Each structure stands twice: as C-alpha cells, then as structure tokens.
C-alpha cells in the first residue's frame, strides 16, 4: 500500500525527517542515543507512538515523464509499506538486469532502507552522494540501480596519479 506523506500522521513524518536529517550524520552509539532521545521527547511532549511495522519513504512511484521533466517540485515523497516497496525495487532490479548486467543483489530490509535513503538524497535539488568505505557491501550496485530508476547517468571518476 502506498500513501502520500502529508496525509499520514504528522508526528511520524517529523520523527522520520528528524532521523534522516540528524541521526544519519552521527556514527556508532550516538545514533541509538539520538533515536531514543528523539522518540522520548516526541512521546513525552506529543504522545508519539512509533510504528511497529517497517515502512520507507521514496519518490520511486513517480513516472518517468515527471522525472525527465526536471521539475523536482512535482515529484512527491510517498510512504511505502515494506512488502510493496520490496516488490517495486525487485521489479526495477529485474528491468535493470535485463537491460544491462546482473547485480546479484538480495533485497533484505537493510538494503531497502539504503535504497530509500539514497533515493531521498538524489531526489532533492542538487542532491549528491559520496560513497566511500570498504568494498563489497553493495553501494555501487545500489547506485547503479537507483541511477537507472531515476533515468540518470552514473559516473565513476578514474582515480590515477
């Protein structure tokens, strides 16, 4: 099931955006400390109750015409239930692998979360990501898939002396 973010309960949107804007910039145990502080504050002041079922936010429901138009203000961030989002990403993955190459991705919840986060950044005006770290964890494969979903070109700079 897909729903627009604005009609969903505003506290869920505030909590989610707080996690994306602030928690994602923290490392280690600080992420969990921030999450408990945010949820504690929202619960005590506003009666917030976190969702028990996982969900993701993404712009991947937008049509190709909306993406190609270049007007990012027309593309809405949608709330996706885990099963529906997994089906959407699996369908796009199948299309990419049919047209380009095998990516050998397994779509488990952490991968879907990363797809959602990458999509959130790339959907913003001037959004860009610098992906660095240990090799073999799937960052490049996910970015190839997301670039395909967004009708974008994927560029890897050549690193030489």
Protein backbone atom coordinates (compact mmCIF):
# COMPACT_ATOMS: atom_id res chain seq x y z
CA UNK A 1 0.00 0.00 0.00
CA UNK A 2 1.31 3.46 -0.94
CA UNK A 3 0.19 6.69 0.70
CA UNK A 4 1.26 10.30 0.37
CA UNK A 5 3.43 11.53 3.24
CA UNK A 6 1.44 14.71 4.05
CA UNK A 7 -1.86 12.93 4.92
CA UNK A 8 -0.05 10.41 7.14
CA UNK A 9 0.20 11.33 10.81
CA UNK A 10 2.44 14.40 11.07
CA UNK A 11 4.35 13.05 14.06
CA UNK A 12 5.56 10.08 12.02
CA UNK A 13 6.78 12.46 9.33
CA UNK A 14 8.55 14.65 11.92
CA UNK A 15 10.19 11.64 13.56
CA UNK A 16 11.28 10.21 10.21
CA UNK A 17 12.68 13.51 8.99
CA UNK A 18 14.49 14.01 12.31
CA UNK A 19 16.13 10.63 11.91
CA UNK A 20 17.17 11.36 8.33
CA UNK A 21 18.45 14.90 8.92
CA UNK A 22 20.26 14.38 12.22
CA UNK A 23 20.70 10.67 13.03
CA UNK A 24 22.14 9.77 9.63
CA UNK A 25 25.03 12.17 10.25
CA UNK A 26 26.04 10.51 13.53
CA UNK A 27 28.24 7.43 13.95
CA UNK A 28 28.32 4.48 16.31
CA UNK A 29 26.35 4.50 19.56
CA UNK A 30 25.42 8.14 19.06
CA UNK A 31 22.80 7.09 16.50
CA UNK A 32 20.93 4.96 19.03
CA UNK A 33 21.25 7.67 21.69
CA UNK A 34 19.75 10.23 19.33
CA UNK A 35 16.93 7.87 18.35
CA UNK A 36 15.98 7.24 21.97
CA UNK A 37 16.18 10.98 22.76
CA UNK A 38 14.02 11.90 19.76
CA UNK A 39 11.40 9.23 20.44
CA UNK A 40 11.42 10.02 24.16
CA UNK A 41 10.87 13.72 23.53
CA UNK A 42 8.13 13.18 20.96
CA UNK A 43 6.43 10.61 23.21
CA UNK A 44 6.50 12.70 26.37
CA UNK A 45 5.53 16.02 24.76
CA UNK A 46 3.22 14.95 21.93
CA UNK A 47 2.14 11.37 22.68
CA UNK A 48 4.00 9.88 19.70
CA UNK A 49 3.90 6.10 19.23
CA UNK A 50 6.46 4.67 16.78
CA UNK A 51 5.15 2.35 14.07
CA UNK A 52 5.67 -1.34 14.74
CA UNK A 53 5.62 -2.23 11.03
CA UNK A 54 8.54 -1.08 8.89
CA UNK A 55 7.90 1.46 6.14
CA UNK A 56 10.00 3.51 3.75
CA UNK A 57 9.72 6.89 2.07
CA UNK A 58 10.66 7.23 -1.55
CA UNK A 59 9.95 9.09 -4.77
CA UNK A 60 10.20 5.90 -6.81
CA UNK A 61 6.46 5.93 -7.51
CA UNK A 62 6.88 8.94 -9.82
CA UNK A 63 6.50 8.35 -13.53
CA UNK A 64 9.37 8.60 -15.99
CA UNK A 65 7.75 11.71 -17.55
CA UNK A 66 7.76 13.50 -14.19
CA UNK A 67 11.44 12.63 -13.65
CA UNK A 68 12.51 13.62 -17.18
CA UNK A 69 10.69 16.97 -16.91
CA UNK A 70 13.32 18.02 -14.36
CA UNK A 71 10.80 19.74 -12.07
CA UNK A 72 11.53 18.06 -8.74
CA UNK A 73 8.73 20.01 -7.02
CA UNK A 74 6.14 17.85 -8.82
CA UNK A 75 7.63 14.60 -7.53
CA UNK A 76 6.13 13.57 -4.19
CA UNK A 77 7.80 11.60 -1.44
CA UNK A 78 5.50 8.63 -0.77
CA UNK A 79 5.21 6.32 2.18
CA UNK A 80 5.61 2.66 1.20
CA UNK A 81 4.85 -0.44 3.23
CA UNK A 82 7.78 -2.87 3.30
CA UNK A 83 6.23 -5.54 1.05
CA UNK A 84 5.07 -3.05 -1.59
CA UNK A 85 8.43 -1.25 -1.63
CA UNK A 86 10.29 -4.56 -1.93
CA UNK A 87 8.11 -5.52 -4.91
CA UNK A 88 8.77 -2.17 -6.60
CA UNK A 89 12.54 -2.39 -6.14
CA UNK A 90 12.57 -6.05 -7.25
CA UNK A 91 10.67 -5.12 -10.42
CA UNK A 92 13.12 -2.30 -11.20
CA UNK A 93 16.06 -4.58 -10.42
CA UNK A 94 14.73 -7.17 -12.85
CA UNK A 95 14.42 -4.47 -15.53
CA UNK A 96 17.98 -3.25 -14.93
CA UNK A 97 19.41 -6.76 -15.05
CA UNK A 98 17.50 -7.48 -18.27
CA UNK A 99 18.84 -4.33 -19.97
CA UNK A 100 22.35 -4.03 -18.54
CA UNK A 101 24.00 -6.63 -16.31
CA UNK A 102 23.47 -8.87 -13.29
CA UNK A 103 23.85 -7.06 -9.96
CA UNK A 104 23.36 -10.08 -7.66
CA UNK A 105 21.52 -8.02 -5.04
CA UNK A 106 19.46 -9.57 -2.27
CA UNK A 107 16.65 -7.27 -1.18
CA UNK A 108 16.55 -7.59 2.60
CA UNK A 109 15.35 -4.76 4.91
CA UNK A 110 18.75 -3.06 5.30
CA UNK A 111 19.15 -2.88 1.52
CA UNK A 112 15.64 -1.46 1.12
CA UNK A 113 16.44 1.14 3.80
CA UNK A 114 19.59 2.13 1.92
CA UNK A 115 17.64 2.40 -1.36
CA UNK A 116 15.15 4.67 0.41
CA UNK A 117 17.90 6.87 1.87
CA UNK A 118 19.82 7.12 -1.40
CA UNK A 119 16.61 7.97 -3.24
CA UNK A 120 15.78 10.69 -0.71
CA UNK A 121 19.13 12.40 -1.34
CA UNK A 122 19.06 12.05 -5.13
CA UNK A 123 15.51 13.41 -5.30
CA UNK A 124 16.49 16.73 -3.75
CA UNK A 125 17.58 19.67 -5.85
CA UNK A 126 21.37 19.38 -6.23
CA UNK A 127 21.39 16.12 -4.26
CA UNK A 128 24.58 14.10 -4.46
CA UNK A 129 26.25 11.29 -2.57
CA UNK A 130 29.86 10.43 -1.91
CA UNK A 131 30.08 6.71 -1.31
CA UNK A 132 33.27 5.64 0.39
CA UNK A 133 34.22 2.73 2.59
CA UNK A 134 35.07 -0.95 2.36
CA UNK A 135 34.44 -2.65 -0.94
CA UNK A 136 31.89 -5.39 -1.43
CA UNK A 137 28.97 -4.02 0.58
CA UNK A 138 26.81 -3.09 -2.44
CA UNK A 139 26.95 0.71 -2.55
CA UNK A 140 27.93 0.85 -6.22
CA UNK A 141 25.35 -1.76 -7.23
CA UNK A 142 22.59 0.12 -5.42
CA UNK A 143 23.64 3.38 -7.01
CA UNK A 144 23.64 1.79 -10.46
CA UNK A 145 20.11 0.58 -9.77
CA UNK A 146 18.94 3.95 -8.44
CA UNK A 147 20.50 5.83 -11.34
CA UNK A 148 18.57 3.51 -13.64
CA UNK A 149 15.35 4.16 -11.69
CA UNK A 150 15.87 7.93 -11.87
CA UNK A 151 16.96 7.94 -15.55
CA UNK A 152 20.32 9.40 -14.52
CA UNK A 153 23.83 8.76 -15.76
CA UNK A 154 26.17 7.06 -13.28
CA UNK A 155 29.71 8.42 -13.39
CA UNK A 156 32.74 6.93 -11.67
CA UNK A 157 35.80 9.20 -11.72
CA UNK A 158 39.03 7.49 -12.69
CA UNK A 159 41.47 7.57 -9.78
CA UNK A 160 45.03 7.76 -11.09
CA UNK A 161 48.22 9.55 -10.16
